[in-house]
Amino acid sequence: MASPRDRLPVTVLTGYLGSGKTTLLNRILTHEHGMKVAVIVNEFGDVGIDNQLVIEADEEIFEMNNGCICCTVRGDLIRIIGNLMKRRDRFDHLVIETTGLADPAPVIQTFFVDEDLRDQLKLDAVVTLVDLKHVEQHWDSVEVQEQLAFADVLLLNKIDLVDVEACLAIQQRTRAINPLARVIPTCQADAAMDQILGVEAFSLERALAIDPEFLTSDHDHEHDGAIGAVAFIEDRPMSYKKLGQWIDGLVTERGPDLFRMKGIIQFAGETNRYVLQSVHMLVDSAMDRPWRDGETPSTQFVIIGRDLDEAALRAGFEACVA
């Protein structure tokens, strides 16, 4: 068994869809904190987009998709960490970015009920991002409530998109659920690294206070059956005008039900890839870096939302091919 000082510290990033987890992850990877960080990224859906949105880094980055880390692919998490620990000397910290629909409890539980992981790792903190602009639309969901309850550090993100009164109101509501978490208002997830990594904020006693059966229950996590993901992969270039009009129409018609859209897009006549991300009615898109040598240009796009009509979405997407 490794001594507490030698055990690998782990930070779990949680937060609902579009709250800013990948933005924070990129800050961690680009900050000169002197640490080598290994990263595990989990996505809800068959196509992995987040790993392509993570900046180029020397760190070890592992992708888990086609399942939520808190249920169907939990065994994969244990396996990946086991393989990581064979190269323990190559990094100082592990960051796990969960899907926005994850209940953090089973992920936290893994570090205490799996004997090998318990001996080799220590949970440093559960860092939960809160989307101040949209969180109230999902406030009653089980996922949001669990993410808030188990947080050690709460980043109230996107303070630039709400007024002071709204920010204070949400802070009070989060305090009612979790009065012990450290609360940090942020814009673009710009928290100081010493407030995120190496904070030793996780308390097993507090987790047991939230759920006395935390270590013994199975924590079967049931996702809302109406929430699903539709993934698109297209090797043919897309039309900038057609795709833009289609996205605008979707957002206008179904915005409240479109929790998250994100993608890497290949446009006809462009040598650079295009990145599009959205949360509900807010769409952010921009030309990105050039396609690299050995990289096959293609479009990979995911829509996560409620009551999605997959056939209609696929027909609409297909119509946007140049």
Protein backbone atom coordinates (compact mmCIF):
# COMPACT_ATOMS: atom_id res chain seq x y z
CA MET A 1 0.00 0.00 0.00
CA ALA A 2 1.34 3.43 -0.93
CA SER A 3 1.72 5.97 1.85
CA PRO A 4 -0.83 8.83 1.78
CA ARG A 5 1.89 11.17 0.50
CA ASP A 6 2.71 8.86 -2.44
CA ARG A 7 -0.86 8.18 -3.52
CA LEU A 8 -1.89 9.86 -6.78
CA PRO A 9 -4.26 12.81 -6.18
CA VAL A 10 -7.44 12.80 -8.27
CA THR A 11 -9.71 15.70 -9.19
CA VAL A 12 -13.19 14.88 -10.49
CA LEU A 13 -14.76 17.59 -12.70
CA THR A 14 -18.55 17.58 -12.80
CA GLY A 15 -21.24 19.97 -13.95
CA TYR A 16 -24.28 19.87 -16.19
CA LEU A 17 -24.05 19.94 -19.98
CA GLY A 18 -22.33 23.11 -21.21
CA SER A 19 -21.26 24.39 -17.81
CA GLY A 20 -17.61 24.84 -18.84
CA LYS A 21 -15.81 21.62 -17.86
CA THR A 22 -13.71 21.40 -21.03
CA THR A 23 -12.81 25.10 -20.72
CA LEU A 24 -11.56 24.45 -17.19
CA LEU A 25 -9.72 21.34 -18.33
CA ASN A 26 -7.90 23.36 -20.99
CA ARG A 27 -6.91 25.90 -18.34
CA ILE A 28 -5.49 23.11 -16.21
CA LEU A 29 -3.51 21.74 -19.15
CA THR A 30 -2.07 25.10 -20.22
CA HIS A 31 -1.32 26.54 -16.78
CA GLU A 32 2.32 26.49 -15.69
CA HIS A 33 1.73 24.78 -12.36
CA GLY A 34 4.75 22.50 -12.74
CA MET A 35 2.68 19.30 -12.66
CA LYS A 36 2.22 16.56 -15.25
CA VAL A 37 -1.50 15.85 -15.45
CA ALA A 38 -3.19 12.73 -16.81
CA VAL A 39 -6.75 13.23 -18.05
CA ILE A 40 -9.73 10.92 -18.54
CA VAL A 41 -12.60 12.42 -20.56
CA ASN A 42 -16.05 10.80 -20.52
CA GLU A 43 -18.80 11.68 -23.02
CA PHE A 44 -22.50 10.98 -23.38
CA GLY A 45 -22.90 9.65 -26.92
CA ASP A 46 -21.16 7.52 -29.50
CA VAL A 47 -18.89 10.21 -30.96
CA GLY A 48 -16.14 11.76 -28.85
CA ILE A 49 -15.95 15.52 -29.41
CA ASP A 50 -14.51 16.76 -26.13
CA ASN A 51 -11.17 15.04 -26.62
CA GLN A 52 -10.81 16.99 -29.90
CA LEU A 53 -11.63 20.25 -28.10
CA VAL A 54 -8.91 19.65 -25.51
CA ILE A 55 -5.79 21.59 -26.47
CA GLU A 56 -2.67 19.81 -27.68
CA ALA A 57 -0.64 18.81 -24.64
CA ASP A 58 2.10 16.42 -23.60
CA GLU A 59 -0.18 14.98 -20.94
CA GLU A 60 -1.80 11.57 -21.20
CA ILE A 61 -5.41 11.99 -22.36
CA PHE A 62 -7.82 9.06 -22.45
CA GLU A 63 -11.31 9.14 -23.93
CA MET A 64 -14.32 7.17 -22.72
CA ASN A 65 -17.54 7.47 -24.71
CA ASN A 66 -20.64 5.47 -25.60
CA GLY A 67 -21.71 5.44 -21.98
CA CYS A 68 -21.86 7.46 -18.80
CA ILE A 69 -18.92 7.08 -16.44
CA CYS A 70 -21.25 6.61 -13.47
CA CYS A 71 -22.99 3.54 -14.86
CA THR A 72 -22.26 1.58 -18.03
CA VAL A 73 -18.55 2.27 -18.37
CA ARG A 74 -17.51 2.33 -14.73
CA GLY A 75 -15.53 -0.86 -15.26
CA ASP A 76 -13.67 0.90 -18.07
CA LEU A 77 -12.70 3.65 -15.62
CA ILE A 78 -11.12 1.12 -13.27
CA ARG A 79 -9.32 -0.53 -16.18
CA ILE A 80 -7.94 2.74 -17.60
CA ILE A 81 -6.74 3.90 -14.19
CA GLY A 82 -5.12 0.51 -13.65
CA ASN A 83 -3.18 0.93 -16.90
CA LEU A 84 -2.28 4.49 -15.97
CA MET A 85 -0.81 3.37 -12.67
CA LYS A 86 1.69 1.20 -14.53
CA ARG A 87 3.23 4.51 -15.63
CA ARG A 88 2.77 6.27 -12.31
CA ASP A 89 6.15 7.99 -12.58
CA ARG A 90 5.01 9.97 -15.65
CA PHE A 91 2.43 12.22 -13.94
CA ASP A 92 1.62 13.95 -10.67
CA HIS A 93 -2.16 14.38 -10.81
CA LEU A 94 -5.18 12.74 -12.44
CA VAL A 95 -8.19 14.75 -13.66
CA ILE A 96 -11.42 12.98 -14.60
CA GLU A 97 -13.93 15.02 -16.61
CA THR A 98 -17.35 13.38 -16.35
CA THR A 99 -20.20 13.72 -18.80
CA GLY A 100 -22.68 16.46 -17.97
CA LEU A 101 -25.29 13.82 -17.15
CA ALA A 102 -23.16 11.99 -14.60
CA ASP A 103 -24.04 11.42 -10.98
CA PRO A 104 -20.67 11.92 -9.24
CA ALA A 105 -21.48 9.55 -6.37
CA PRO A 106 -20.61 6.27 -8.15
CA VAL A 107 -17.40 7.81 -9.51
CA ILE A 108 -16.35 8.92 -6.02
CA GLN A 109 -17.38 5.55 -4.62
CA THR A 110 -15.02 3.78 -7.04
CA PHE A 111 -11.98 5.20 -5.25
CA PHE A 112 -13.07 3.66 -1.95
CA VAL A 113 -14.67 0.33 -2.82
CA ASP A 114 -12.04 -0.85 -5.33
CA GLU A 115 -9.17 -2.08 -3.18
CA ASP A 116 -6.38 -1.41 -5.70
CA LEU A 117 -7.54 2.12 -6.42
CA ARG A 118 -8.03 2.86 -2.73
CA ASP A 119 -4.43 1.92 -2.03
CA GLN A 120 -2.92 3.90 -4.91
CA LEU A 121 -5.04 7.03 -5.26
CA LYS A 122 -6.54 9.72 -3.08
CA LEU A 123 -9.52 11.86 -4.05
CA ASP A 124 -8.34 15.47 -3.83
CA ALA A 125 -11.60 17.24 -4.66
CA VAL A 126 -14.85 17.10 -6.57
CA VAL A 127 -15.02 20.34 -8.57
CA THR A 128 -18.50 21.17 -9.87
CA LEU A 129 -19.18 23.87 -12.44
CA VAL A 130 -22.53 25.65 -12.40
CA ASP A 131 -23.81 27.38 -15.55
CA LEU A 132 -25.30 30.54 -14.04
CA LYS A 133 -27.13 31.34 -17.28
CA HIS A 134 -28.99 28.02 -17.63
CA VAL A 135 -28.81 26.05 -14.37
CA GLU A 136 -32.31 27.04 -13.23
CA GLN A 137 -33.80 25.31 -16.30
CA HIS A 138 -32.36 22.02 -15.00
CA TRP A 139 -32.44 22.72 -11.26
CA ASP A 140 -34.83 19.90 -10.38
CA SER A 141 -32.95 17.22 -12.34
CA VAL A 142 -31.36 14.46 -10.27
CA GLU A 143 -28.01 15.05 -11.96
CA VAL A 144 -27.80 18.74 -11.01
CA GLN A 145 -28.85 18.06 -7.42
CA GLU A 146 -26.26 15.27 -7.02
CA GLN A 147 -23.51 17.33 -8.66
CA LEU A 148 -24.18 20.22 -6.28
CA ALA A 149 -24.48 18.03 -3.20
CA PHE A 150 -21.18 16.19 -3.64
CA ALA A 151 -19.10 19.22 -4.66
CA ASP A 152 -16.09 20.25 -2.62
CA VAL A 153 -15.47 23.28 -4.85
CA LEU A 154 -18.33 25.02 -6.69
CA LEU A 155 -17.45 27.25 -9.63
CA LEU A 156 -20.36 29.57 -10.38
CA ASN A 157 -19.39 30.00 -14.02
CA LYS A 158 -20.46 32.51 -16.70
CA ILE A 159 -20.87 35.44 -14.29
CA ASP A 160 -20.54 37.67 -17.36
CA LEU A 161 -23.91 36.40 -18.65
CA VAL A 162 -26.06 37.20 -15.58
CA ASP A 163 -26.59 40.19 -13.32
CA VAL A 164 -25.40 40.38 -9.72
CA GLU A 165 -28.84 39.65 -8.26
CA ALA A 166 -29.21 36.43 -10.29
CA CYS A 167 -25.73 35.30 -9.30
CA LEU A 168 -26.43 35.89 -5.60
CA ALA A 169 -29.79 34.11 -5.84
CA ILE A 170 -28.22 31.00 -7.36
CA GLN A 171 -25.40 31.12 -4.82
CA GLN A 172 -27.97 31.10 -2.03
CA ARG A 173 -29.77 28.13 -3.61
CA THR A 174 -26.51 26.19 -3.93
CA ARG A 175 -25.66 27.02 -0.32
CA ALA A 176 -28.99 25.53 0.76
CA ILE A 177 -27.97 22.25 -0.87
CA ASN A 178 -24.28 22.32 -0.01
CA PRO A 179 -23.27 24.82 2.70
CA LEU A 180 -19.72 23.44 3.05
CA ALA A 181 -18.38 23.69 -0.51
CA ARG A 182 -15.96 26.46 -1.41
CA VAL A 183 -17.83 28.80 -3.81
CA ILE A 184 -15.88 30.65 -6.52
CA PRO A 185 -17.57 32.92 -9.10
CA THR A 186 -15.83 32.60 -12.48
CA CYS A 187 -15.91 33.76 -16.08
CA GLN A 188 -14.64 31.24 -18.63
CA ALA A 189 -13.85 28.95 -15.67
CA ASP A 190 -10.94 31.25 -14.70
CA ALA A 191 -10.39 29.94 -11.16
CA ALA A 192 -6.87 30.02 -9.75
CA MET A 193 -5.15 26.63 -10.00
CA ASP A 194 -4.41 26.52 -6.27
CA GLN A 195 -8.19 26.60 -5.74
CA ILE A 196 -8.69 23.60 -8.03
CA LEU A 197 -5.70 21.25 -7.72
CA GLY A 198 -4.00 20.04 -4.57
CA VAL A 199 -6.69 21.46 -2.29
CA GLU A 200 -7.28 18.23 -0.31
CA ALA A 201 -10.92 19.20 0.05
CA PHE A 202 -12.68 15.85 -0.26
CA SER A 203 -14.13 14.46 2.96
CA LEU A 204 -15.45 10.90 3.11
CA GLU A 205 -17.29 11.81 6.30
CA ARG A 206 -19.21 14.52 4.47
CA ALA A 207 -20.06 12.14 1.62
CA LEU A 208 -21.45 9.71 4.19
CA ALA A 209 -23.42 12.54 5.79
CA ILE A 210 -25.08 13.21 2.41
CA ASP A 211 -25.70 9.49 1.85
CA PRO A 212 -25.12 7.14 4.82
CA GLU A 213 -25.16 4.15 2.45
CA PHE A 214 -22.64 5.80 0.14
CA LEU A 215 -20.04 3.00 0.36
CA THR A 216 -22.46 0.08 0.37
CA SER A 217 -25.22 1.02 -2.09
CA ASP A 218 -25.02 0.20 -5.79
CA HIS A 219 -25.87 3.78 -6.84
CA ASP A 220 -27.74 2.62 -9.91
CA HIS A 221 -28.11 5.82 -11.90
CA GLU A 222 -31.22 6.21 -14.06
CA HIS A 223 -30.98 8.87 -16.75
CA ASP A 224 -34.10 10.68 -17.88
CA GLY A 225 -35.35 8.45 -20.69
CA ALA A 226 -36.39 11.48 -22.73
CA ILE A 227 -32.81 12.75 -22.89
CA GLY A 228 -30.70 11.34 -25.66
CA ALA A 229 -27.88 12.06 -28.08
CA VAL A 230 -27.70 12.02 -31.87
CA ALA A 231 -24.23 11.83 -33.40
CA PHE A 232 -23.27 12.67 -36.97
CA ILE A 233 -20.08 11.68 -38.82
CA GLU A 234 -19.70 12.99 -42.38
CA ASP A 235 -16.64 12.77 -44.63
CA ARG A 236 -18.11 15.08 -47.29
CA PRO A 237 -17.61 18.84 -46.78
CA MET A 238 -20.54 20.79 -45.39
CA SER A 239 -22.09 23.99 -46.75
CA TYR A 240 -21.43 26.92 -44.42
CA LYS A 241 -24.67 28.66 -45.43
CA LYS A 242 -26.89 25.59 -45.25
CA LEU A 243 -25.53 24.37 -41.92
CA GLY A 244 -25.80 27.84 -40.41
CA GLN A 245 -29.42 28.16 -41.47
CA TRP A 246 -30.23 24.67 -40.16
CA ILE A 247 -28.60 25.35 -36.78
CA ASP A 248 -30.39 28.72 -36.50
CA GLY A 249 -33.70 27.03 -37.23
CA LEU A 250 -33.09 24.29 -34.67
CA VAL A 251 -32.17 26.79 -31.96
CA THR A 252 -35.18 28.99 -32.71
CA GLU A 253 -37.62 26.09 -32.77
CA ARG A 254 -36.20 23.73 -30.12
CA GLY A 255 -33.70 25.81 -28.11
CA PRO A 256 -34.99 24.94 -24.61
CA ASP A 257 -34.82 21.22 -25.46
CA LEU A 258 -31.33 21.37 -27.00
CA PHE A 259 -29.15 21.03 -23.92
CA ARG A 260 -25.86 20.83 -25.81
CA MET A 261 -24.56 20.85 -29.37
CA LYS A 262 -20.88 20.57 -30.18
CA GLY A 263 -18.84 19.60 -33.16
CA ILE A 264 -15.79 19.82 -35.36
CA ILE A 265 -16.94 20.76 -38.88
CA GLN A 266 -15.34 20.51 -42.31
CA PHE A 267 -16.61 23.26 -44.59
CA ALA A 268 -16.23 23.21 -48.37
CA GLY A 269 -13.32 25.35 -49.56
CA GLU A 270 -11.81 25.77 -46.07
CA THR A 271 -8.41 24.43 -44.98
CA ASN A 272 -9.18 25.01 -41.29
CA ARG A 273 -11.56 23.04 -39.14
CA TYR A 274 -14.54 24.86 -37.62
CA VAL A 275 -15.65 24.44 -33.99
CA LEU A 276 -19.29 24.90 -32.99
CA GLN A 277 -20.66 24.69 -29.45
CA SER A 278 -24.02 25.66 -28.03
CA VAL A 279 -26.04 25.54 -24.82
CA HIS A 280 -29.76 26.02 -25.36
CA MET A 281 -30.14 29.32 -27.26
CA LEU A 282 -26.50 30.40 -26.99
CA VAL A 283 -24.35 29.37 -29.95
CA ASP A 284 -20.58 29.93 -30.06
CA SER A 285 -18.66 29.08 -33.21
CA ALA A 286 -15.35 30.02 -34.80
CA MET A 287 -12.77 28.94 -37.32
CA ASP A 288 -10.13 26.82 -35.60
CA ARG A 289 -6.67 25.51 -36.46
CA PRO A 290 -5.77 24.02 -39.88
CA TRP A 291 -6.34 20.34 -40.53
CA ARG A 292 -3.04 18.62 -39.81
CA ASP A 293 -0.98 16.31 -41.98
CA GLY A 294 -2.30 12.79 -41.51
CA GLU A 295 -5.63 14.12 -40.22
CA THR A 296 -8.58 13.28 -42.47
CA PRO A 297 -10.94 16.28 -42.63
CA SER A 298 -14.44 15.30 -41.61
CA THR A 299 -17.41 16.55 -39.63
CA GLN A 300 -18.19 15.09 -36.21
CA PHE A 301 -21.21 16.65 -34.55
CA VAL A 302 -23.33 15.72 -31.52
CA ILE A 303 -26.70 16.98 -30.32
CA ILE A 304 -27.80 16.18 -26.75
CA GLY A 305 -31.35 17.09 -25.81
CA ARG A 306 -34.86 16.09 -24.87
CA ASP A 307 -37.31 14.26 -27.17
CA LEU A 308 -34.99 14.37 -30.18
CA ASP A 309 -36.43 13.21 -33.50
CA GLU A 310 -33.37 11.39 -34.82
CA ALA A 311 -34.75 10.75 -38.31
CA ALA A 312 -35.67 14.42 -38.81
CA LEU A 313 -32.33 15.60 -37.45
CA ARG A 314 -30.41 13.27 -39.73
CA ALA A 315 -32.41 14.41 -42.74
CA GLY A 316 -31.76 18.05 -41.84
CA PHE A 317 -28.06 17.43 -41.36
CA GLU A 318 -27.76 15.49 -44.63
CA ALA A 319 -29.33 18.42 -46.48
CA CYS A 320 -26.41 20.61 -45.33
CA VAL A 321 -23.77 18.64 -47.23
CA ALA A 322 -22.14 20.96 -49.81
